[in-house]
Every structure is written in C-alpha cells, then in structure tokens.
Full PDB file with SEQRES, HELIX, SHEET, SSBOND, CRYST1, ORIGX, SCALE, CONECT and MASTER records, all heavy atoms in Angstrom:
SEQRES   1 A   40  HIS VAL PHE HIS ARG ASP HIS ARG LYS ILE VAL ILE ILE          
SEQRES   2 A   40  ASP GLY LYS ILE GLY TYR THR GLY GLY MET ASN ILE ALA          
SEQRES   3 A   40  ASP TYR TYR ILE THR GLY LEU PRO GLU ILE GLY GLU TRP          
SEQRES   4 A   40  ARG                                                          
HELIX    1 AA1 TYR A   28  THR A   31  1                                   4    
SHEET    1 AA1 2 ILE A  10  ILE A  13  0                                        
SHEET    2 AA1 2 ILE A  17  THR A  20 -1                                        
CRYST1    1.000    1.000    1.000  90.00  90.00  90.00 P 1           1          
ORIGX1      1.000000  0.000000  0.000000        0.00000                         
ORIGX2      0.000000  1.000000  0.000000        0.00000                         
ORIGX3      0.000000  0.000000  1.000000        0.00000                         
SCALE1      1.000000  0.000000  0.000000        0.00000                         
SCALE2      0.000000  1.000000  0.000000        0.00000                         
SCALE3      0.000000  0.000000  1.000000        0.00000                         
ATOM      1  N   HIS A   1       2.030 -22.591   4.674  1.00  0.00           N  
ATOM      2  CA  HIS A   1       1.158 -22.847   3.529  1.00  0.00           C  
ATOM      3  C   HIS A   1       1.228 -21.748   2.464  1.00  0.00           C  
ATOM      4  O   HIS A   1       0.407 -21.710   1.566  1.00  0.00           O  
ATOM      5  CB  HIS A   1      -0.286 -22.989   4.013  1.00  0.00           C  
ATOM      6  CG  HIS A   1      -0.465 -24.076   5.023  1.00  0.00           C  
ATOM      7  ND1 HIS A   1      -0.744 -25.377   4.682  1.00  0.00           N  
ATOM      8  CD2 HIS A   1      -0.369 -24.059   6.379  1.00  0.00           C  
ATOM      9  CE1 HIS A   1      -0.831 -26.111   5.780  1.00  0.00           C  
ATOM     10  NE2 HIS A   1      -0.614 -25.336   6.820  1.00  0.00           N  
ATOM     11  N   VAL A   2       2.237 -20.903   2.559  1.00  0.00           N  
ATOM     12  CA  VAL A   2       2.349 -19.798   1.609  1.00  0.00           C  
ATOM     13  C   VAL A   2       2.781 -20.307   0.235  1.00  0.00           C  
ATOM     14  O   VAL A   2       2.299 -19.845  -0.796  1.00  0.00           O  
ATOM     15  CB  VAL A   2       3.350 -18.739   2.119  1.00  0.00           C  
ATOM     16  CG1 VAL A   2       3.654 -17.719   1.028  1.00  0.00           C  
ATOM     17  CG2 VAL A   2       2.794 -18.038   3.350  1.00  0.00           C  
ATOM     18  N   PHE A   3       3.691 -21.288   0.226  1.00  0.00           N  
ATOM     19  CA  PHE A   3       4.243 -21.762  -1.034  1.00  0.00           C  
ATOM     20  C   PHE A   3       3.550 -23.038  -1.518  1.00  0.00           C  
ATOM     21  O   PHE A   3       2.777 -23.664  -0.809  1.00  0.00           O  
ATOM     22  CB  PHE A   3       5.747 -21.988  -0.886  1.00  0.00           C  
ATOM     23  CG  PHE A   3       6.491 -20.746  -0.487  1.00  0.00           C  
ATOM     24  CD1 PHE A   3       7.075 -20.636   0.763  1.00  0.00           C  
ATOM     25  CD2 PHE A   3       6.586 -19.675  -1.366  1.00  0.00           C  
ATOM     26  CE1 PHE A   3       7.753 -19.482   1.134  1.00  0.00           C  
ATOM     27  CE2 PHE A   3       7.258 -18.520  -1.005  1.00  0.00           C  
ATOM     28  CZ  PHE A   3       7.844 -18.417   0.244  1.00  0.00           C  
ATOM     29  N   HIS A   4       3.838 -23.405  -2.742  1.00  0.00           N  
ATOM     30  CA  HIS A   4       3.318 -24.631  -3.359  1.00  0.00           C  
ATOM     31  C   HIS A   4       1.787 -24.644  -3.396  1.00  0.00           C  
ATOM     32  O   HIS A   4       1.158 -25.642  -3.027  1.00  0.00           O  
ATOM     33  CB  HIS A   4       3.845 -25.873  -2.636  1.00  0.00           C  
ATOM     34  CG  HIS A   4       5.338 -25.904  -2.515  1.00  0.00           C  
ATOM     35  ND1 HIS A   4       6.171 -25.506  -3.540  1.00  0.00           N  
ATOM     36  CD2 HIS A   4       6.148 -26.283  -1.496  1.00  0.00           C  
ATOM     37  CE1 HIS A   4       7.436 -25.642  -3.138  1.00  0.00           C  
ATOM     38  NE2 HIS A   4       7.447 -26.093  -1.919  1.00  0.00           N  
ATOM     39  N   ARG A   5       1.218 -23.547  -3.868  1.00  0.00           N  
ATOM     40  CA  ARG A   5      -0.230 -23.477  -4.025  1.00  0.00           C  
ATOM     41  C   ARG A   5      -0.633 -24.063  -5.387  1.00  0.00           C  
ATOM     42  O   ARG A   5       0.161 -24.100  -6.327  1.00  0.00           O  
ATOM     43  CB  ARG A   5      -0.732 -22.040  -3.919  1.00  0.00           C  
ATOM     44  CG  ARG A   5      -0.346 -21.300  -2.666  1.00  0.00           C  
ATOM     45  CD  ARG A   5      -0.593 -22.053  -1.385  1.00  0.00           C  
ATOM     46  NE  ARG A   5      -1.893 -22.721  -1.314  1.00  0.00           N  
ATOM     47  CZ  ARG A   5      -2.307 -23.419  -0.259  1.00  0.00           C  
ATOM     48  NH1 ARG A   5      -1.527 -23.561   0.801  1.00  0.00           N  
ATOM     49  NH2 ARG A   5      -3.501 -23.990  -0.258  1.00  0.00           N  
ATOM     50  N   ASP A   6      -1.885 -24.515  -5.475  1.00  0.00           N  
ATOM     51  CA  ASP A   6      -2.398 -25.084  -6.719  1.00  0.00           C  
ATOM     52  C   ASP A   6      -2.989 -23.963  -7.572  1.00  0.00           C  
ATOM     53  O   ASP A   6      -4.132 -23.565  -7.390  1.00  0.00           O  
ATOM     54  CB  ASP A   6      -3.448 -26.154  -6.419  1.00  0.00           C  
ATOM     55  CG  ASP A   6      -3.921 -26.862  -7.676  1.00  0.00           C  
ATOM     56  OD1 ASP A   6      -3.407 -26.549  -8.777  1.00  0.00           O  
ATOM     57  OD2 ASP A   6      -4.803 -27.734  -7.570  1.00  0.00           O  
ATOM     58  N   HIS A   7      -2.190 -23.472  -8.508  1.00  0.00           N  
ATOM     59  CA  HIS A   7      -2.575 -22.345  -9.354  1.00  0.00           C  
ATOM     60  C   HIS A   7      -3.115 -22.801 -10.714  1.00  0.00           C  
ATOM     61  O   HIS A   7      -3.423 -21.991 -11.575  1.00  0.00           O  
ATOM     62  CB  HIS A   7      -1.354 -21.431  -9.553  1.00  0.00           C  
ATOM     63  CG  HIS A   7      -1.655 -20.111 -10.177  1.00  0.00           C  
ATOM     64  ND1 HIS A   7      -1.199 -19.733 -11.431  1.00  0.00           N  
ATOM     65  CD2 HIS A   7      -2.382 -19.060  -9.721  1.00  0.00           C  
ATOM     66  CE1 HIS A   7      -1.607 -18.519 -11.708  1.00  0.00           C  
ATOM     67  NE2 HIS A   7      -2.331 -18.079 -10.700  1.00  0.00           N  
ATOM     68  N   ARG A   8      -3.268 -24.112 -10.903  1.00  0.00           N  
ATOM     69  CA  ARG A   8      -3.748 -24.624 -12.188  1.00  0.00           C  
ATOM     70  C   ARG A   8      -5.202 -24.220 -12.452  1.00  0.00           C  
ATOM     71  O   ARG A   8      -5.958 -23.959 -11.514  1.00  0.00           O  
ATOM     72  CB  ARG A   8      -3.661 -26.150 -12.216  1.00  0.00           C  
ATOM     73  CG  ARG A   8      -2.284 -26.737 -12.008  1.00  0.00           C  
ATOM     74  CD  ARG A   8      -2.408 -28.242 -12.010  1.00  0.00           C  
ATOM     75  NE  ARG A   8      -1.193 -28.963 -11.704  1.00  0.00           N  
ATOM     76  CZ  ARG A   8      -1.100 -29.915 -10.781  1.00  0.00           C  
ATOM     77  NH1 ARG A   8      -2.164 -30.225 -10.048  1.00  0.00           N  
ATOM     78  NH2 ARG A   8       0.036 -30.551 -10.584  1.00  0.00           N  
ATOM     79  N   LYS A   9      -5.565 -24.243 -13.720  1.00  0.00           N  
ATOM     80  CA  LYS A   9      -6.956 -24.075 -14.145  1.00  0.00           C  
ATOM     81  C   LYS A   9      -7.226 -25.189 -15.155  1.00  0.00           C  
ATOM     82  O   LYS A   9      -6.752 -25.140 -16.301  1.00  0.00           O  
ATOM     83  CB  LYS A   9      -7.190 -22.714 -14.812  1.00  0.00           C  
ATOM     84  CG  LYS A   9      -6.884 -21.501 -13.905  1.00  0.00           C  
ATOM     85  CD  LYS A   9      -5.483 -21.002 -14.105  1.00  0.00           C  
ATOM     86  CE  LYS A   9      -5.219 -19.664 -13.451  1.00  0.00           C  
ATOM     87  NZ  LYS A   9      -5.262 -19.636 -12.012  1.00  0.00           N  
ATOM     88  N   ILE A  10      -7.982 -26.201 -14.719  1.00  0.00           N  
ATOM     89  CA  ILE A  10      -8.226 -27.383 -15.552  1.00  0.00           C  
ATOM     90  C   ILE A  10      -9.699 -27.765 -15.481  1.00  0.00           C  
ATOM     91  O   ILE A  10     -10.294 -27.748 -14.403  1.00  0.00           O  
ATOM     92  CB  ILE A  10      -7.395 -28.596 -15.073  1.00  0.00           C  
ATOM     93  CG1 ILE A  10      -5.899 -28.297 -15.090  1.00  0.00           C  
ATOM     94  CG2 ILE A  10      -7.687 -29.831 -15.922  1.00  0.00           C  
ATOM     95  CD1 ILE A  10      -5.056 -29.405 -14.458  1.00  0.00           C  
ATOM     96  N   VAL A  11     -10.270 -28.122 -16.620  1.00  0.00           N  
ATOM     97  CA  VAL A  11     -11.574 -28.777 -16.670  1.00  0.00           C  
ATOM     98  C   VAL A  11     -11.461 -29.954 -17.625  1.00  0.00           C  
ATOM     99  O   VAL A  11     -10.851 -29.834 -18.694  1.00  0.00           O  
ATOM    100  CB  VAL A  11     -12.694 -27.831 -17.155  1.00  0.00           C  
ATOM    101  CG1 VAL A  11     -14.027 -28.582 -17.235  1.00  0.00           C  
ATOM    102  CG2 VAL A  11     -12.833 -26.623 -16.232  1.00  0.00           C  
ATOM    103  N   ILE A  12     -12.010 -31.105 -17.243  1.00  0.00           N  
ATOM    104  CA  ILE A  12     -12.098 -32.269 -18.128  1.00  0.00           C  
ATOM    105  C   ILE A  12     -13.541 -32.738 -18.140  1.00  0.00           C  
ATOM    106  O   ILE A  12     -14.144 -32.914 -17.077  1.00  0.00           O  
ATOM    107  CB  ILE A  12     -11.191 -33.427 -17.675  1.00  0.00           C  
ATOM    108  CG1 ILE A  12      -9.743 -32.956 -17.476  1.00  0.00           C  
ATOM    109  CG2 ILE A  12     -11.243 -34.568 -18.691  1.00  0.00           C  
ATOM    110  CD1 ILE A  12      -9.351 -32.797 -16.050  1.00  0.00           C  
ATOM    111  N   ILE A  13     -14.081 -32.926 -19.331  1.00  0.00           N  
ATOM    112  CA  ILE A  13     -15.471 -33.371 -19.488  1.00  0.00           C  
ATOM    113  C   ILE A  13     -15.485 -34.708 -20.222  1.00  0.00           C  
ATOM    114  O   ILE A  13     -15.031 -34.800 -21.374  1.00  0.00           O  
ATOM    115  CB  ILE A  13     -16.294 -32.328 -20.265  1.00  0.00           C  
ATOM    116  CG1 ILE A  13     -16.289 -30.979 -19.512  1.00  0.00           C  
ATOM    117  CG2 ILE A  13     -17.733 -32.814 -20.466  1.00  0.00           C  
ATOM    118  CD1 ILE A  13     -16.863 -29.832 -20.303  1.00  0.00           C  
ATOM    119  N   ASP A  14     -15.945 -35.739 -19.527  1.00  0.00           N  
ATOM    120  CA  ASP A  14     -16.070 -37.091 -20.096  1.00  0.00           C  
ATOM    121  C   ASP A  14     -14.752 -37.638 -20.624  1.00  0.00           C  
ATOM    122  O   ASP A  14     -14.745 -38.545 -21.466  1.00  0.00           O  
ATOM    123  CB  ASP A  14     -17.126 -37.113 -21.202  1.00  0.00           C  
ATOM    124  CG  ASP A  14     -18.541 -36.915 -20.660  1.00  0.00           C  
ATOM    125  OD1 ASP A  14     -18.743 -37.147 -19.454  1.00  0.00           O  
ATOM    126  OD2 ASP A  14     -19.428 -36.526 -21.440  1.00  0.00           O  
ATOM    127  N   GLY A  15     -13.632 -37.089 -20.166  1.00  0.00           N  
ATOM    128  CA  GLY A  15     -12.332 -37.573 -20.612  1.00  0.00           C  
ATOM    129  C   GLY A  15     -12.011 -37.237 -22.050  1.00  0.00           C  
ATOM    130  O   GLY A  15     -10.975 -37.672 -22.574  1.00  0.00           O  
ATOM    131  N   LYS A  16     -12.857 -36.448 -22.699  1.00  0.00           N  
ATOM    132  CA  LYS A  16     -12.686 -36.147 -24.121  1.00  0.00           C  
ATOM    133  C   LYS A  16     -12.403 -34.677 -24.409  1.00  0.00           C  
ATOM    134  O   LYS A  16     -11.757 -34.343 -25.389  1.00  0.00           O  
ATOM    135  CB  LYS A  16     -13.935 -36.571 -24.899  1.00  0.00           C  
ATOM    136  CG  LYS A  16     -14.214 -38.067 -24.879  1.00  0.00           C  
ATOM    137  CD  LYS A  16     -15.455 -38.394 -25.689  1.00  0.00           C  
ATOM    138  CE  LYS A  16     -15.732 -39.904 -25.682  1.00  0.00           C  
ATOM    139  NZ  LYS A  16     -16.926 -40.248 -26.493  1.00  0.00           N  
ATOM    140  N   ILE A  17     -12.918 -33.808 -23.550  1.00  0.00           N  
ATOM    141  CA  ILE A  17     -12.769 -32.365 -23.739  1.00  0.00           C  
ATOM    142  C   ILE A  17     -12.028 -31.795 -22.540  1.00  0.00           C  
ATOM    143  O   ILE A  17     -12.350 -32.109 -21.387  1.00  0.00           O  
ATOM    144  CB  ILE A  17     -14.146 -31.682 -23.869  1.00  0.00           C  
ATOM    145  CG1 ILE A  17     -14.901 -32.230 -25.077  1.00  0.00           C  
ATOM    146  CG2 ILE A  17     -13.999 -30.163 -23.965  1.00  0.00           C  
ATOM    147  CD1 ILE A  17     -16.341 -31.758 -25.167  1.00  0.00           C  
ATOM    148  N   GLY A  18     -11.026 -30.974 -22.809  1.00  0.00           N  
ATOM    149  CA  GLY A  18     -10.259 -30.369 -21.730  1.00  0.00           C  
ATOM    150  C   GLY A  18     -10.109 -28.873 -21.925  1.00  0.00           C  
ATOM    151  O   GLY A  18     -10.128 -28.367 -23.062  1.00  0.00           O  
ATOM    152  N   TYR A  19      -9.971 -28.163 -20.815  1.00  0.00           N  
ATOM    153  CA  TYR A  19      -9.740 -26.720 -20.842  1.00  0.00           C  
ATOM    154  C   TYR A  19      -8.562 -26.388 -19.946  1.00  0.00           C  
ATOM    155  O   TYR A  19      -8.378 -26.988 -18.881  1.00  0.00           O  
ATOM    156  CB  TYR A  19     -10.955 -25.950 -20.307  1.00  0.00           C  
ATOM    157  CG  TYR A  19     -12.204 -26.008 -21.141  1.00  0.00           C  
ATOM    158  CD1 TYR A  19     -13.073 -27.097 -21.053  1.00  0.00           C  
ATOM    159  CD2 TYR A  19     -12.545 -24.967 -22.004  1.00  0.00           C  
ATOM    160  CE1 TYR A  19     -14.238 -27.154 -21.799  1.00  0.00           C  
ATOM    161  CE2 TYR A  19     -13.709 -25.013 -22.752  1.00  0.00           C  
ATOM    162  CZ  TYR A  19     -14.555 -26.106 -22.648  1.00  0.00           C  
ATOM    163  OH  TYR A  19     -15.707 -26.160 -23.394  1.00  0.00           O  
ATOM    164  N   THR A  20      -7.773 -25.404 -20.367  1.00  0.00           N  
ATOM    165  CA  THR A  20      -6.791 -24.804 -19.482  1.00  0.00           C  
ATOM    166  C   THR A  20      -6.504 -23.392 -19.983  1.00  0.00           C  
ATOM    167  O   THR A  20      -6.920 -23.007 -21.070  1.00  0.00           O  
ATOM    168  CB  THR A  20      -5.508 -25.645 -19.383  1.00  0.00           C  
ATOM    169  OG1 THR A  20      -4.715 -25.171 -18.291  1.00  0.00           O  
ATOM    170  CG2 THR A  20      -4.686 -25.584 -20.672  1.00  0.00           C  
ATOM    171  N   GLY A  21      -5.805 -22.616 -19.170  1.00  0.00           N  
ATOM    172  CA  GLY A  21      -5.520 -21.233 -19.543  1.00  0.00           C  
ATOM    173  C   GLY A  21      -5.318 -20.363 -18.330  1.00  0.00           C  
ATOM    174  O   GLY A  21      -4.885 -20.840 -17.272  1.00  0.00           O  
ATOM    175  N   GLY A  22      -5.676 -19.089 -18.457  1.00  0.00           N  
ATOM    176  CA  GLY A  22      -5.377 -18.128 -17.409  1.00  0.00           C  
ATOM    177  C   GLY A  22      -6.529 -17.767 -16.500  1.00  0.00           C  
ATOM    178  O   GLY A  22      -6.343 -17.053 -15.516  1.00  0.00           O  
ATOM    179  N   MET A  23      -7.744 -18.262 -16.801  1.00  0.00           N  
ATOM    180  CA  MET A  23      -8.927 -17.816 -16.071  1.00  0.00           C  
ATOM    181  C   MET A  23      -9.396 -18.782 -15.000  1.00  0.00           C  
ATOM    182  O   MET A  23      -9.496 -19.989 -15.245  1.00  0.00           O  
ATOM    183  CB  MET A  23     -10.085 -17.585 -17.054  1.00  0.00           C  
ATOM    184  CG  MET A  23      -9.914 -16.363 -17.909  1.00  0.00           C  
ATOM    185  SD  MET A  23     -11.309 -16.113 -19.055  1.00  0.00           S  
ATOM    186  CE  MET A  23     -10.581 -16.680 -20.589  1.00  0.00           C  
ATOM    187  N   ASN A  24      -9.701 -18.244 -13.833  1.00  0.00           N  
ATOM    188  CA  ASN A  24     -10.402 -18.982 -12.790  1.00  0.00           C  
ATOM    189  C   ASN A  24     -11.904 -18.851 -13.045  1.00  0.00           C  
ATOM    190  O   ASN A  24     -12.339 -18.600 -14.160  1.00  0.00           O  
ATOM    191  CB  ASN A  24     -10.005 -18.440 -11.417  1.00  0.00           C  
ATOM    192  CG  ASN A  24      -8.550 -18.719 -11.091  1.00  0.00           C  
ATOM    193  OD1 ASN A  24      -8.119 -19.862 -10.981  1.00  0.00           O  
ATOM    194  ND2 ASN A  24      -7.769 -17.650 -10.942  1.00  0.00           N  
ATOM    195  N   ILE A  25     -12.704 -19.022 -12.009  1.00  0.00           N  
ATOM    196  CA  ILE A  25     -14.151 -18.857 -12.126  1.00  0.00           C  
ATOM    197  C   ILE A  25     -14.541 -17.561 -11.415  1.00  0.00           C  
ATOM    198  O   ILE A  25     -14.544 -17.484 -10.189  1.00  0.00           O  
ATOM    199  CB  ILE A  25     -14.907 -20.055 -11.504  1.00  0.00           C  
ATOM    200  CG1 ILE A  25     -14.485 -21.365 -12.159  1.00  0.00           C  
ATOM    201  CG2 ILE A  25     -16.419 -19.834 -11.612  1.00  0.00           C  
ATOM    202  CD1 ILE A  25     -14.846 -21.497 -13.625  1.00  0.00           C  
ATOM    203  N   ALA A  26     -14.831 -16.526 -12.197  1.00  0.00           N  
ATOM    204  CA  ALA A  26     -15.195 -15.221 -11.626  1.00  0.00           C  
ATOM    205  C   ALA A  26     -15.878 -14.377 -12.688  1.00  0.00           C  
ATOM    206  O   ALA A  26     -15.562 -14.491 -13.883  1.00  0.00           O  
ATOM    207  CB  ALA A  26     -13.951 -14.499 -11.095  1.00  0.00           C  
ATOM    208  N   ASP A  27     -16.762 -13.495 -12.256  1.00  0.00           N  
ATOM    209  CA  ASP A  27     -17.489 -12.672 -13.233  1.00  0.00           C  
ATOM    210  C   ASP A  27     -16.660 -11.527 -13.786  1.00  0.00           C  
ATOM    211  O   ASP A  27     -16.970 -10.981 -14.847  1.00  0.00           O  
ATOM    212  CB  ASP A  27     -18.800 -12.155 -12.646  1.00  0.00           C  
ATOM    213  CG  ASP A  27     -18.628 -11.308 -11.392  1.00  0.00           C  
ATOM    214  OD1 ASP A  27     -17.479 -10.927 -11.065  1.00  0.00           O  
ATOM    215  OD2 ASP A  27     -19.648 -11.025 -10.728  1.00  0.00           O  
ATOM    216  N   TYR A  28     -15.549 -11.150 -13.099  1.00  0.00           N  
ATOM    217  CA  TYR A  28     -14.780 -10.016 -13.605  1.00  0.00           C  
ATOM    218  C   TYR A  28     -14.023 -10.344 -14.897  1.00  0.00           C  
ATOM    219  O   TYR A  28     -13.517  -9.442 -15.569  1.00  0.00           O  
ATOM    220  CB  TYR A  28     -13.825  -9.454 -12.547  1.00  0.00           C  
ATOM    221  CG  TYR A  28     -12.887 -10.430 -11.871  1.00  0.00           C  
ATOM    222  CD1 TYR A  28     -11.847 -11.046 -12.565  1.00  0.00           C  
ATOM    223  CD2 TYR A  28     -13.020 -10.703 -10.509  1.00  0.00           C  
ATOM    224  CE1 TYR A  28     -10.980 -11.921 -11.931  1.00  0.00           C  
ATOM    225  CE2 TYR A  28     -12.160 -11.574  -9.871  1.00  0.00           C  
ATOM    226  CZ  TYR A  28     -11.142 -12.179 -10.575  1.00  0.00           C  
ATOM    227  OH  TYR A  28     -10.283 -13.039  -9.931  1.00  0.00           O  
ATOM    228  N   TYR A  29     -13.955 -11.617 -15.259  1.00  0.00           N  
ATOM    229  CA  TYR A  29     -13.384 -11.953 -16.560  1.00  0.00           C  
ATOM    230  C   TYR A  29     -14.300 -11.467 -17.689  1.00  0.00           C  
ATOM    231  O   TYR A  29     -13.865 -11.358 -18.834  1.00  0.00           O  
ATOM    232  CB  TYR A  29     -13.162 -13.458 -16.686  1.00  0.00           C  
ATOM    233  CG  TYR A  29     -12.108 -13.984 -15.738  1.00  0.00           C  
ATOM    234  CD1 TYR A  29     -12.462 -14.748 -14.632  1.00  0.00           C  
ATOM    235  CD2 TYR A  29     -10.764 -13.705 -15.938  1.00  0.00           C  
ATOM    236  CE1 TYR A  29     -11.501 -15.223 -13.753  1.00  0.00           C  
ATOM    237  CE2 TYR A  29      -9.798 -14.170 -15.059  1.00  0.00           C  
ATOM    238  CZ  TYR A  29     -10.172 -14.934 -13.972  1.00  0.00           C  
ATOM    239  OH  TYR A  29      -9.214 -15.398 -13.095  1.00  0.00           O  
ATOM    240  N   ILE A  30     -15.553 -11.195 -17.338  1.00  0.00           N  
ATOM    241  CA  ILE A  30     -16.512 -10.648 -18.305  1.00  0.00           C  
ATOM    242  C   ILE A  30     -16.773  -9.166 -18.044  1.00  0.00           C  
ATOM    243  O   ILE A  30     -16.765  -8.350 -18.968  1.00  0.00           O  
ATOM    244  CB  ILE A  30     -17.844 -11.433 -18.240  1.00  0.00           C  
ATOM    245  CG1 ILE A  30     -17.611 -12.895 -18.636  1.00  0.00           C  
ATOM    246  CG2 ILE A  30     -18.893 -10.789 -19.155  1.00  0.00           C  
ATOM    247  CD1 ILE A  30     -18.837 -13.774 -18.478  1.00  0.00           C  
ATOM    248  N   THR A  31     -16.982  -8.818 -16.789  1.00  0.00           N  
ATOM    249  CA  THR A  31     -17.398  -7.454 -16.451  1.00  0.00           C  
ATOM    250  C   THR A  31     -16.235  -6.499 -16.199  1.00  0.00           C  
ATOM    251  O   THR A  31     -16.413  -5.280 -16.239  1.00  0.00           O  
ATOM    252  CB  THR A  31     -18.281  -7.469 -15.189  1.00  0.00           C  
ATOM    253  OG1 THR A  31     -17.508  -7.982 -14.076  1.00  0.00           O  
ATOM    254  CG2 THR A  31     -19.505  -8.354 -15.393  1.00  0.00           C  
ATOM    255  N   GLY A  32     -15.041  -7.034 -15.918  1.00  0.00           N  
ATOM    256  CA  GLY A  32     -13.925  -6.188 -15.530  1.00  0.00           C  
ATOM    257  C   GLY A  32     -14.042  -5.746 -14.085  1.00  0.00           C  
ATOM    258  O   GLY A  32     -14.947  -6.176 -13.349  1.00  0.00           O  
ATOM    259  N   LEU A  33     -13.136  -4.871 -13.665  1.00  0.00           N  
ATOM    260  CA  LEU A  33     -13.142  -4.323 -12.312  1.00  0.00           C  
ATOM    261  C   LEU A  33     -13.000  -2.803 -12.382  1.00  0.00           C  
ATOM    262  O   LEU A  33     -12.270  -2.288 -13.244  1.00  0.00           O  
ATOM    263  CB  LEU A  33     -11.996  -4.910 -11.483  1.00  0.00           C  
ATOM    264  CG  LEU A  33     -12.105  -6.392 -11.103  1.00  0.00           C  
ATOM    265  CD1 LEU A  33     -10.808  -6.871 -10.466  1.00  0.00           C  
ATOM    266  CD2 LEU A  33     -13.284  -6.624 -10.161  1.00  0.00           C  
ATOM    267  N   PRO A  34     -13.681  -2.069 -11.498  1.00  0.00           N  
ATOM    268  CA  PRO A  34     -13.648  -0.598 -11.573  1.00  0.00           C  
ATOM    269  C   PRO A  34     -12.241  -0.019 -11.542  1.00  0.00           C  
ATOM    270  O   PRO A  34     -11.945   0.935 -12.267  1.00  0.00           O  
ATOM    271  CB  PRO A  34     -14.444  -0.174 -10.330  1.00  0.00           C  
ATOM    272  CG  PRO A  34     -15.323  -1.342 -10.010  1.00  0.00           C  
ATOM    273  CD  PRO A  34     -14.543  -2.560 -10.402  1.00  0.00           C  
ATOM    274  N   GLU A  35     -11.358  -0.608 -10.715  1.00  0.00           N  
ATOM    275  CA  GLU A  35     -10.033  -0.016 -10.537  1.00  0.00           C  
ATOM    276  C   GLU A  35      -9.067  -0.303 -11.684  1.00  0.00           C  
ATOM    277  O   GLU A  35      -8.056   0.404 -11.838  1.00  0.00           O  
ATOM    278  CB  GLU A  35      -9.417  -0.490  -9.214  1.00  0.00           C  
ATOM    279  CG  GLU A  35      -9.260  -1.997  -9.080  1.00  0.00           C  
ATOM    280  CD  GLU A  35     -10.469  -2.686  -8.478  1.00  0.00           C  
ATOM    281  OE1 GLU A  35     -11.587  -2.159  -8.600  1.00  0.00           O  
ATOM    282  OE2 GLU A  35     -10.275  -3.766  -7.884  1.00  0.00           O  
ATOM    283  N   ILE A  36      -9.350  -1.330 -12.504  1.00  0.00           N  
ATOM    284  CA  ILE A  36      -8.418  -1.665 -13.590  1.00  0.00           C  
ATOM    285  C   ILE A  36      -9.080  -1.735 -14.963  1.00  0.00           C  
ATOM    286  O   ILE A  36      -8.399  -1.875 -15.978  1.00  0.00           O  
ATOM    287  CB  ILE A  36      -7.681  -3.000 -13.322  1.00  0.00           C  
ATOM    288  CG1 ILE A  36      -8.683  -4.139 -13.141  1.00  0.00           C  
ATOM    289  CG2 ILE A  36      -6.749  -2.882 -12.139  1.00  0.00           C  
ATOM    290  CD1 ILE A  36      -8.023  -5.498 -12.957  1.00  0.00           C  
ATOM    291  N   GLY A  37     -10.404  -1.663 -15.018  1.00  0.00           N  
ATOM    292  CA  GLY A  37     -11.101  -1.715 -16.289  1.00  0.00           C  
ATOM    293  C   GLY A  37     -11.304  -3.147 -16.774  1.00  0.00           C  
ATOM    294  O   GLY A  37     -11.475  -4.075 -15.972  1.00  0.00           O  
ATOM    295  N   GLU A  38     -11.252  -3.326 -18.090  1.00  0.00           N  
ATOM    296  CA  GLU A  38     -11.482  -4.649 -18.681  1.00  0.00           C  
ATOM    297  C   GLU A  38     -10.411  -5.645 -18.230  1.00  0.00           C  
ATOM    298  O   GLU A  38      -9.233  -5.304 -18.127  1.00  0.00           O  
ATOM    299  CB  GLU A  38     -11.458  -4.550 -20.211  1.00  0.00           C  
ATOM    300  CG  GLU A  38     -11.700  -5.884 -20.912  1.00  0.00           C  
ATOM    301  CD  GLU A  38     -11.549  -5.808 -22.422  1.00  0.00           C  
ATOM    302  OE1 GLU A  38     -11.276  -4.703 -22.934  1.00  0.00           O  
ATOM    303  OE2 GLU A  38     -11.689  -6.856 -23.089  1.00  0.00           O  
ATOM    304  N   TRP A  39     -10.851  -6.869 -17.967  1.00  0.00           N  
ATOM    305  CA  TRP A  39      -9.923  -7.942 -17.608  1.00  0.00           C  
ATOM    306  C   TRP A  39      -9.731  -8.811 -18.846  1.00  0.00           C  
ATOM    307  O   TRP A  39     -10.587  -9.580 -19.228  1.00  0.00           O  
ATOM    308  CB  TRP A  39     -10.490  -8.764 -16.456  1.00  0.00           C  
ATOM    309  CG  TRP A  39      -9.509  -9.728 -15.852  1.00  0.00           C  
ATOM    310  CD1 TRP A  39      -8.931 -10.803 -16.458  1.00  0.00           C  
ATOM    311  CD2 TRP A  39      -8.990  -9.718 -14.513  1.00  0.00           C  
ATOM    312  NE1 TRP A  39      -8.086 -11.468 -15.607  1.00  0.00           N  
ATOM    313  CE2 TRP A  39      -8.106 -10.813 -14.395  1.00  0.00           C  
ATOM    314  CE3 TRP A  39      -9.183  -8.893 -13.408  1.00  0.00           C  
ATOM    315  CZ2 TRP A  39      -7.421 -11.104 -13.211  1.00  0.00           C  
ATOM    316  CZ3 TRP A  39      -8.507  -9.192 -12.233  1.00  0.00           C  
ATOM    317  CH2 TRP A  39      -7.633 -10.277 -12.132  1.00  0.00           C  
ATOM    318  N   ARG A  40      -8.578  -8.686 -19.499  1.00  0.00           N  
ATOM    319  CA  ARG A  40      -8.280  -9.451 -20.709  1.00  0.00           C  
ATOM    320  C   ARG A  40      -7.617 -10.767 -20.328  1.00  0.00           C  
ATOM    321  O   ARG A  40      -6.679 -10.797 -19.545  1.00  0.00           O  
ATOM    322  CB  ARG A  40      -7.335  -8.659 -21.621  1.00  0.00           C  
ATOM    323  CG  ARG A  40      -7.974  -7.449 -22.244  1.00  0.00           C  
ATOM    324  CD  ARG A  40      -8.795  -7.804 -23.478  1.00  0.00           C  
ATOM    325  NE  ARG A  40      -7.934  -8.137 -24.606  1.00  0.00           N  
ATOM    326  CZ  ARG A  40      -7.778  -9.349 -25.104  1.00  0.00           C  
ATOM    327  NH1 ARG A  40      -8.431 -10.367 -24.606  1.00  0.00           N  
ATOM    328  NH2 ARG A  40      -6.973  -9.566 -26.132  1.00  0.00           N  
TER     329      ARG A  40                                                      
MASTER        0    0    0    1    2    0    0    6  328    1    0    4          
END                                                                             
C-alpha cells in the first residue's frame, strides 16, 4: 500500500464551486510549524 496513494485535494459544493491546490486540512497552513516556520 506504499504506492498509488490519493494525494488529491478537492472540494465541490453544490456542483457549482470547486477547490483544488496544495493544502490539506490542517492548522499549520495558518500557524506554521516551530521547526520550519511559516507554511506557505
């Protein structure tokens, strides 16, 4: 199970609005992490 993981990031709302990009769901996208600083 190491390969072929689902790395997508997708949201669809009512079939009209969609999101994709580099972010999962986590607070460090806002707060950053001590060892690396801001998460851009």
